[in-house]
Structures are given as structure tokens and as C-alpha cells.
Amino acid sequence: VIAKLNDRGHETVPAAPSTGVDTLTGEGLSAALAG
């Protein structure tokens, strides 16, 4: 999905525990969603 959205010219942010975003705990969510 990231690759296909990039091809469409969008700015993408891959969010996962490995990138510091954990939806179970909420860690990193606010920073990732800014803007």
C-alpha cells in the first residue's frame, strides 16, 4: 500500500511497532498522525 500511494504522489508514513508506533498502547500515535 505504501508503494502504491507513493506512486500516486502522496506522502506516506509506515506505522508499526518497529517504527515506534504501537496502536495497542498508543505509543507514537500522536506524532505519527500529526498533519
PDB file of all heavy atoms in Angstrom:
ATOM      1  N   VAL A   1       0.838  -1.200   0.000  1.00  0.00           N
ATOM      2  CA  VAL A   1       0.000   0.000   0.000  1.00  0.00           C
ATOM      3  C   VAL A   1       0.878   1.256   0.000  1.00  0.00           C
ATOM      4  O   VAL A   1       0.616   2.215  -0.745  1.00  0.00           O
ATOM      5  CB  VAL A   1      -0.954   0.003   1.210  1.00  0.00           C
ATOM      6  CG1 VAL A   1      -1.662   1.350   1.345  1.00  0.00           C
ATOM      7  CG2 VAL A   1      -1.983  -1.117   1.082  1.00  0.00           C
ATOM      8  N   ILE A   2       1.913   1.256   0.824  1.00  0.00           N
ATOM      9  CA  ILE A   2       2.847   2.388   0.861  1.00  0.00           C
ATOM     10  C   ILE A   2       3.414   2.666  -0.530  1.00  0.00           C
ATOM     11  O   ILE A   2       3.438   3.814  -1.004  1.00  0.00           O
ATOM     12  CB  ILE A   2       4.000   2.107   1.857  1.00  0.00           C
ATOM     13  CG1 ILE A   2       3.500   2.138   3.297  1.00  0.00           C
ATOM     14  CG2 ILE A   2       5.172   3.061   1.639  1.00  0.00           C
ATOM     15  CD1 ILE A   2       3.348   3.507   3.900  1.00  0.00           C
ATOM     16  N   ALA A   3       3.882   1.618  -1.203  1.00  0.00           N
ATOM     17  CA  ALA A   3       4.485   1.790  -2.528  1.00  0.00           C
ATOM     18  C   ALA A   3       3.473   2.347  -3.528  1.00  0.00           C
ATOM     19  O   ALA A   3       3.802   3.240  -4.335  1.00  0.00           O
ATOM     20  CB  ALA A   3       5.048   0.458  -3.021  1.00  0.00           C
ATOM     21  N   LYS A   4       2.248   1.850  -3.480  1.00  0.00           N
ATOM     22  CA  LYS A   4       1.235   2.300  -4.439  1.00  0.00           C
ATOM     23  C   LYS A   4       0.802   3.744  -4.161  1.00  0.00           C
ATOM     24  O   LYS A   4       0.559   4.514  -5.104  1.00  0.00           O
ATOM     25  CB  LYS A   4       0.038   1.343  -4.403  1.00  0.00           C
ATOM     26  CG  LYS A   4       0.384  -0.038  -4.969  1.00  0.00           C
ATOM     27  CD  LYS A   4      -0.778  -0.992  -4.886  1.00  0.00           C
ATOM     28  CE  LYS A   4      -0.369  -2.380  -5.395  1.00  0.00           C
ATOM     29  NZ  LYS A   4       0.021  -2.363  -6.820  1.00  0.00           N
ATOM     30  N   LEU A   5       0.717   4.126  -2.899  1.00  0.00           N
ATOM     31  CA  LEU A   5       0.379   5.512  -2.581  1.00  0.00           C
ATOM     32  C   LEU A   5       1.518   6.457  -2.939  1.00  0.00           C
ATOM     33  O   LEU A   5       1.287   7.573  -3.419  1.00  0.00           O
ATOM     34  CB  LEU A   5       0.028   5.632  -1.097  1.00  0.00           C
ATOM     35  CG  LEU A   5      -1.292   4.977  -0.682  1.00  0.00           C
ATOM     36  CD1 LEU A   5      -1.437   4.999   0.830  1.00  0.00           C
ATOM     37  CD2 LEU A   5      -2.483   5.673  -1.340  1.00  0.00           C
ATOM     38  N   ASN A   6       2.753   6.017  -2.727  1.00  0.00           N
ATOM     39  CA  ASN A   6       3.901   6.830  -3.145  1.00  0.00           C
ATOM     40  C   ASN A   6       3.888   7.055  -4.650  1.00  0.00           C
ATOM     41  O   ASN A   6       4.188   8.152  -5.133  1.00  0.00           O
ATOM     42  CB  ASN A   6       5.207   6.151  -2.724  1.00  0.00           C
ATOM     43  CG  ASN A   6       5.471   6.247  -1.241  1.00  0.00           C
ATOM     44  OD1 ASN A   6       4.886   7.085  -0.542  1.00  0.00           O
ATOM     45  ND2 ASN A   6       6.342   5.388  -0.726  1.00  0.00           N
ATOM     46  N   ASP A   7       3.534   6.002  -5.393  1.00  0.00           N
ATOM     47  CA  ASP A   7       3.459   6.129  -6.851  1.00  0.00           C
ATOM     48  C   ASP A   7       2.393   7.136  -7.270  1.00  0.00           C
ATOM     49  O   ASP A   7       2.502   7.738  -8.340  1.00  0.00           O
ATOM     50  CB  ASP A   7       3.152   4.770  -7.488  1.00  0.00           C
ATOM     51  CG  ASP A   7       4.330   3.810  -7.433  1.00  0.00           C
ATOM     52  OD1 ASP A   7       5.464   4.268  -7.181  1.00  0.00           O
ATOM     53  OD2 ASP A   7       4.112   2.595  -7.650  1.00  0.00           O
ATOM     54  N   ARG A   8       1.379   7.308  -6.429  1.00  0.00           N
ATOM     55  CA  ARG A   8       0.332   8.285  -6.727  1.00  0.00           C
ATOM     56  C   ARG A   8       0.709   9.687  -6.281  1.00  0.00           C
ATOM     57  O   ARG A   8      -0.064  10.633  -6.429  1.00  0.00           O
ATOM     58  CB  ARG A   8      -0.976   7.869  -6.044  1.00  0.00           C
ATOM     59  CG  ARG A   8      -1.685   6.673  -6.680  1.00  0.00           C
ATOM     60  CD  ARG A   8      -2.841   6.224  -5.793  1.00  0.00           C
ATOM     61  NE  ARG A   8      -3.811   5.373  -6.455  1.00  0.00           N
ATOM     62  CZ  ARG A   8      -3.712   4.056  -6.554  1.00  0.00           C
ATOM     63  NH1 ARG A   8      -2.661   3.420  -6.039  1.00  0.00           N
ATOM     64  NH2 ARG A   8      -4.665   3.351  -7.174  1.00  0.00           N
ATOM     65  N   GLY A   9       1.878   9.828  -5.681  1.00  0.00           N
ATOM     66  CA  GLY A   9       2.368  11.144  -5.286  1.00  0.00           C
ATOM     67  C   GLY A   9       2.024  11.571  -3.876  1.00  0.00           C
ATOM     68  O   GLY A   9       2.247  12.736  -3.508  1.00  0.00           O
ATOM     69  N   HIS A  10       1.515  10.654  -3.049  1.00  0.00           N
ATOM     70  CA  HIS A  10       1.172  11.003  -1.677  1.00  0.00           C
ATOM     71  C   HIS A  10       2.384  10.879  -0.757  1.00  0.00           C
ATOM     72  O   HIS A  10       3.330  10.134  -1.039  1.00  0.00           O
ATOM     73  CB  HIS A  10       0.049  10.094  -1.165  1.00  0.00           C
ATOM     74  CG  HIS A  10      -1.218  10.209  -1.962  1.00  0.00           C
ATOM     75  ND1 HIS A  10      -1.993  11.348  -1.945  1.00  0.00           N
ATOM     76  CD2 HIS A  10      -1.832   9.340  -2.816  1.00  0.00           C
ATOM     77  CE1 HIS A  10      -3.037  11.179  -2.741  1.00  0.00           C
ATOM     78  NE2 HIS A  10      -2.958   9.973  -3.280  1.00  0.00           N
ATOM     79  N   GLU A  11       2.332  11.596   0.346  1.00  0.00           N
ATOM     80  CA  GLU A  11       3.335  11.447   1.403  1.00  0.00           C
ATOM     81  C   GLU A  11       2.848  10.360   2.341  1.00  0.00           C
ATOM     82  O   GLU A  11       1.742  10.448   2.882  1.00  0.00           O
ATOM     83  CB  GLU A  11       3.485  12.763   2.165  1.00  0.00           C
ATOM     84  CG  GLU A  11       4.425  12.670   3.376  1.00  0.00           C
ATOM     85  CD  GLU A  11       4.343  13.884   4.265  1.00  0.00           C
ATOM     86  OE1 GLU A  11       3.667  14.865   3.902  1.00  0.00           O
ATOM     87  OE2 GLU A  11       4.952  13.843   5.365  1.00  0.00           O
ATOM     88  N   THR A  12       3.644   9.321   2.533  1.00  0.00           N
ATOM     89  CA  THR A  12       3.194   8.200   3.349  1.00  0.00           C
ATOM     90  C   THR A  12       4.083   8.011   4.567  1.00  0.00           C
ATOM     91  O   THR A  12       5.281   8.293   4.538  1.00  0.00           O
ATOM     92  CB  THR A  12       3.185   6.888   2.540  1.00  0.00           C
ATOM     93  OG1 THR A  12       4.494   6.648   2.021  1.00  0.00           O
ATOM     94  CG2 THR A  12       2.187   6.942   1.401  1.00  0.00           C
ATOM     95  N   VAL A  13       3.455   7.499   5.634  1.00  0.00           N
ATOM     96  CA  VAL A  13       4.165   7.181   6.873  1.00  0.00           C
ATOM     97  C   VAL A  13       3.849   5.738   7.242  1.00  0.00           C
ATOM     98  O   VAL A  13       2.701   5.424   7.568  1.00  0.00           O
ATOM     99  CB  VAL A  13       3.745   8.115   8.021  1.00  0.00           C
ATOM    100  CG1 VAL A  13       4.455   7.715   9.313  1.00  0.00           C
ATOM    101  CG2 VAL A  13       4.015   9.565   7.671  1.00  0.00           C
ATOM    102  N   PRO A  14       4.827   4.825   7.180  1.00  0.00           N
ATOM    103  CA  PRO A  14       4.571   3.457   7.625  1.00  0.00           C
ATOM    104  C   PRO A  14       4.610   3.394   9.153  1.00  0.00           C
ATOM    105  O   PRO A  14       5.619   3.726   9.774  1.00  0.00           O
ATOM    106  CB  PRO A  14       5.727   2.661   6.999  1.00  0.00           C
ATOM    107  CG  PRO A  14       6.824   3.660   6.822  1.00  0.00           C
ATOM    108  CD  PRO A  14       6.177   4.996   6.620  1.00  0.00           C
ATOM    109  N   ALA A  15       3.498   3.008   9.754  1.00  0.00           N
ATOM    110  CA  ALA A  15       3.393   2.997  11.216  1.00  0.00           C
ATOM    111  C   ALA A  15       3.256   1.558  11.703  1.00  0.00           C
ATOM    112  O   ALA A  15       2.358   0.827  11.281  1.00  0.00           O
ATOM    113  CB  ALA A  15       2.197   3.819  11.669  1.00  0.00           C
ATOM    114  N   ALA A  16       4.161   1.165  12.590  1.00  0.00           N
ATOM    115  CA  ALA A  16       4.183  -0.179  13.155  1.00  0.00           C
ATOM    116  C   ALA A  16       5.052  -0.136  14.400  1.00  0.00           C
ATOM    117  O   ALA A  16       5.800   0.835  14.605  1.00  0.00           O
ATOM    118  CB  ALA A  16       4.744  -1.169  12.136  1.00  0.00           C
ATOM    119  N   PRO A  17       4.974  -1.152  15.257  1.00  0.00           N
ATOM    120  CA  PRO A  17       5.863  -1.159  16.415  1.00  0.00           C
ATOM    121  C   PRO A  17       7.332  -0.983  16.055  1.00  0.00           C
ATOM    122  O   PRO A  17       8.079  -0.329  16.783  1.00  0.00           O
ATOM    123  CB  PRO A  17       5.585  -2.537  17.043  1.00  0.00           C
ATOM    124  CG  PRO A  17       4.160  -2.796  16.712  1.00  0.00           C
ATOM    125  CD  PRO A  17       3.979  -2.258  15.327  1.00  0.00           C
ATOM    126  N   SER A  18       7.740  -1.517  14.916  1.00  0.00           N
ATOM    127  CA  SER A  18       9.140  -1.396  14.505  1.00  0.00           C
ATOM    128  C   SER A  18       9.517   0.025  14.112  1.00  0.00           C
ATOM    129  O   SER A  18      10.705   0.364  14.056  1.00  0.00           O
ATOM    130  CB  SER A  18       9.436  -2.344  13.341  1.00  0.00           C
ATOM    131  OG  SER A  18       8.643  -2.009  12.209  1.00  0.00           O
ATOM    132  N   THR A  19       8.513   0.880  13.838  1.00  0.00           N
ATOM    133  CA  THR A  19       8.790   2.283  13.518  1.00  0.00           C
ATOM    134  C   THR A  19       8.427   3.199  14.686  1.00  0.00           C
ATOM    135  O   THR A  19       8.358   4.419  14.524  1.00  0.00           O
ATOM    136  CB  THR A  19       8.029   2.729  12.256  1.00  0.00           C
ATOM    137  OG1 THR A  19       6.613   2.744  12.529  1.00  0.00           O
ATOM    138  CG2 THR A  19       8.313   1.800  11.086  1.00  0.00           C
ATOM    139  N   GLY A  20       8.141   2.600  15.860  1.00  0.00           N
ATOM    140  CA  GLY A  20       7.860   3.397  17.054  1.00  0.00           C
ATOM    141  C   GLY A  20       6.410   3.743  17.259  1.00  0.00           C
ATOM    142  O   GLY A  20       6.093   4.605  18.093  1.00  0.00           O
ATOM    143  N   VAL A  21       5.503   3.065  16.535  1.00  0.00           N
ATOM    144  CA  VAL A  21       4.077   3.341  16.675  1.00  0.00           C
ATOM    145  C   VAL A  21       3.373   2.064  17.108  1.00  0.00           C
ATOM    146  O   VAL A  21       3.402   1.058  16.397  1.00  0.00           O
ATOM    147  CB  VAL A  21       3.462   3.852  15.357  1.00  0.00           C
ATOM    148  CG1 VAL A  21       1.973   4.140  15.544  1.00  0.00           C
ATOM    149  CG2 VAL A  21       4.187   5.101  14.878  1.00  0.00           C
ATOM    150  N   ASP A  22       2.731   2.107  18.270  1.00  0.00           N
ATOM    151  CA  ASP A  22       2.052   0.936  18.807  1.00  0.00           C
ATOM    152  C   ASP A  22       0.598   1.300  19.088  1.00  0.00           C
ATOM    153  O   ASP A  22       0.311   2.055  20.016  1.00  0.00           O
ATOM    154  CB  ASP A  22       2.739   0.470  20.097  1.00  0.00           C
ATOM    155  CG  ASP A  22       2.234  -0.877  20.587  1.00  0.00           C
ATOM    156  OD1 ASP A  22       1.055  -1.191  20.337  1.00  0.00           O
ATOM    157  OD2 ASP A  22       3.004  -1.602  21.236  1.00  0.00           O
ATOM    158  N   THR A  23      -0.316   0.761  18.280  1.00  0.00           N
ATOM    159  CA  THR A  23      -1.726   1.123  18.455  1.00  0.00           C
ATOM    160  C   THR A  23      -2.338   0.489  19.699  1.00  0.00           C
ATOM    161  O   THR A  23      -3.351   0.981  20.197  1.00  0.00           O
ATOM    162  CB  THR A  23      -2.544   0.699  17.222  1.00  0.00           C
ATOM    163  OG1 THR A  23      -2.324  -0.686  16.951  1.00  0.00           O
ATOM    164  CG2 THR A  23      -2.156   1.531  16.011  1.00  0.00           C
ATOM    165  N   LEU A  24      -1.748  -0.575  20.224  1.00  0.00           N
ATOM    166  CA  LEU A  24      -2.278  -1.187  21.446  1.00  0.00           C
ATOM    167  C   LEU A  24      -2.032  -0.311  22.667  1.00  0.00           C
ATOM    168  O   LEU A  24      -2.892  -0.178  23.536  1.00  0.00           O
ATOM    169  CB  LEU A  24      -1.654  -2.561  21.667  1.00  0.00           C
ATOM    170  CG  LEU A  24      -2.357  -3.750  21.009  1.00  0.00           C
ATOM    171  CD1 LEU A  24      -1.617  -5.034  21.332  1.00  0.00           C
ATOM    172  CD2 LEU A  24      -3.808  -3.854  21.458  1.00  0.00           C
ATOM    173  N   THR A  25      -0.858   0.293  22.744  1.00  0.00           N
ATOM    174  CA  THR A  25      -0.525   1.152  23.882  1.00  0.00           C
ATOM    175  C   THR A  25      -0.766   2.625  23.584  1.00  0.00           C
ATOM    176  O   THR A  25      -0.823   3.446  24.500  1.00  0.00           O
ATOM    177  CB  THR A  25       0.943   0.966  24.276  1.00  0.00           C
ATOM    178  OG1 THR A  25       1.776   1.419  23.197  1.00  0.00           O
ATOM    179  CG2 THR A  25       1.250  -0.498  24.562  1.00  0.00           C
ATOM    180  N   GLY A  26      -0.848   2.973  22.305  1.00  0.00           N
ATOM    181  CA  GLY A  26      -0.960   4.369  21.900  1.00  0.00           C
ATOM    182  C   GLY A  26       0.376   5.050  21.704  1.00  0.00           C
ATOM    183  O   GLY A  26       0.437   6.219  21.280  1.00  0.00           O
ATOM    184  N   GLU A  27       1.465   4.334  21.972  1.00  0.00           N
ATOM    185  CA  GLU A  27       2.796   4.925  21.854  1.00  0.00           C
ATOM    186  C   GLU A  27       3.065   5.390  20.419  1.00  0.00           C
ATOM    187  O   GLU A  27       2.883   4.642  19.465  1.00  0.00           O
ATOM    188  CB  GLU A  27       3.859   3.913  22.247  1.00  0.00           C
ATOM    189  CG  GLU A  27       5.290   4.438  22.122  1.00  0.00           C
ATOM    190  CD  GLU A  27       6.331   3.373  22.400  1.00  0.00           C
ATOM    191  OE1 GLU A  27       5.940   2.224  22.696  1.00  0.00           O
ATOM    192  OE2 GLU A  27       7.522   3.680  22.304  1.00  0.00           O
ATOM    193  N   GLY A  28       3.474   6.648  20.266  1.00  0.00           N
ATOM    194  CA  GLY A  28       3.874   7.179  18.977  1.00  0.00           C
ATOM    195  C   GLY A  28       2.745   7.580  18.050  1.00  0.00           C
ATOM    196  O   GLY A  28       2.992   8.121  16.962  1.00  0.00           O
ATOM    197  N   LEU A  29       1.486   7.350  18.468  1.00  0.00           N
ATOM    198  CA  LEU A  29       0.372   7.636  17.565  1.00  0.00           C
ATOM    199  C   LEU A  29       0.232   9.129  17.271  1.00  0.00           C
ATOM    200  O   LEU A  29       0.074   9.527  16.116  1.00  0.00           O
ATOM    201  CB  LEU A  29      -0.938   7.110  18.155  1.00  0.00           C
ATOM    202  CG  LEU A  29      -1.403   5.718  17.744  1.00  0.00           C
ATOM    203  CD1 LEU A  29      -2.726   5.386  18.422  1.00  0.00           C
ATOM    204  CD2 LEU A  29      -1.528   5.622  16.230  1.00  0.00           C
ATOM    205  N   SER A  30       0.263   9.939  18.296  1.00  0.00           N
ATOM    206  CA  SER A  30       0.045  11.378  18.097  1.00  0.00           C
ATOM    207  C   SER A  30       1.072  11.969  17.149  1.00  0.00           C
ATOM    208  O   SER A  30       0.728  12.743  16.241  1.00  0.00           O
ATOM    209  CB  SER A  30       0.095  12.108  19.442  1.00  0.00           C
ATOM    210  OG  SER A  30      -0.966  11.692  20.273  1.00  0.00           O
ATOM    211  N   ALA A  31       2.324  11.598  17.339  1.00  0.00           N
ATOM    212  CA  ALA A  31       3.376  12.129  16.475  1.00  0.00           C
ATOM    213  C   ALA A  31       3.205  11.652  15.037  1.00  0.00           C
ATOM    214  O   ALA A  31       3.376  12.427  14.087  1.00  0.00           O
ATOM    215  CB  ALA A  31       4.751  11.709  17.007  1.00  0.00           C
ATOM    216  N   ALA A  32       2.845  10.386  14.861  1.00  0.00           N
ATOM    217  CA  ALA A  32       2.696   9.842  13.512  1.00  0.00           C
ATOM    218  C   ALA A  32       1.534  10.479  12.769  1.00  0.00           C
ATOM    219  O   ALA A  32       1.598  10.701  11.555  1.00  0.00           O
ATOM    220  CB  ALA A  32       2.510   8.331  13.573  1.00  0.00           C
ATOM    221  N   LEU A  33       0.450  10.808  13.496  1.00  0.00           N
ATOM    222  CA  LEU A  33      -0.754  11.326  12.848  1.00  0.00           C
ATOM    223  C   LEU A  33      -0.743  12.833  12.648  1.00  0.00           C
ATOM    224  O   LEU A  33      -1.630  13.373  11.982  1.00  0.00           O
ATOM    225  CB  LEU A  33      -1.984  10.943  13.671  1.00  0.00           C
ATOM    226  CG  LEU A  33      -2.273   9.444  13.844  1.00  0.00           C
ATOM    227  CD1 LEU A  33      -3.585   9.249  14.577  1.00  0.00           C
ATOM    228  CD2 LEU A  33      -2.290   8.725  12.522  1.00  0.00           C
ATOM    229  N   ALA A  34       0.229  13.510  13.198  1.00  0.00           N
ATOM    230  CA  ALA A  34       0.270  14.971  13.073  1.00  0.00           C
ATOM    231  C   ALA A  34       0.299  15.374  11.600  1.00  0.00           C
ATOM    232  O   ALA A  34       1.181  14.971  10.849  1.00  0.00           O
ATOM    233  CB  ALA A  34       1.493  15.520  13.793  1.00  0.00           C
ATOM    234  N   GLY A  35      -0.693  16.159  11.207  1.00  0.00           N
ATOM    235  CA  GLY A  35      -0.753  16.662   9.838  1.00  0.00           C
ATOM    236  C   GLY A  35      -1.300  15.683   8.824  1.00  0.00           C
ATOM    237  O   GLY A  35      -1.357  15.997   7.621  1.00  0.00           O
TER     238      GLY A  35
END
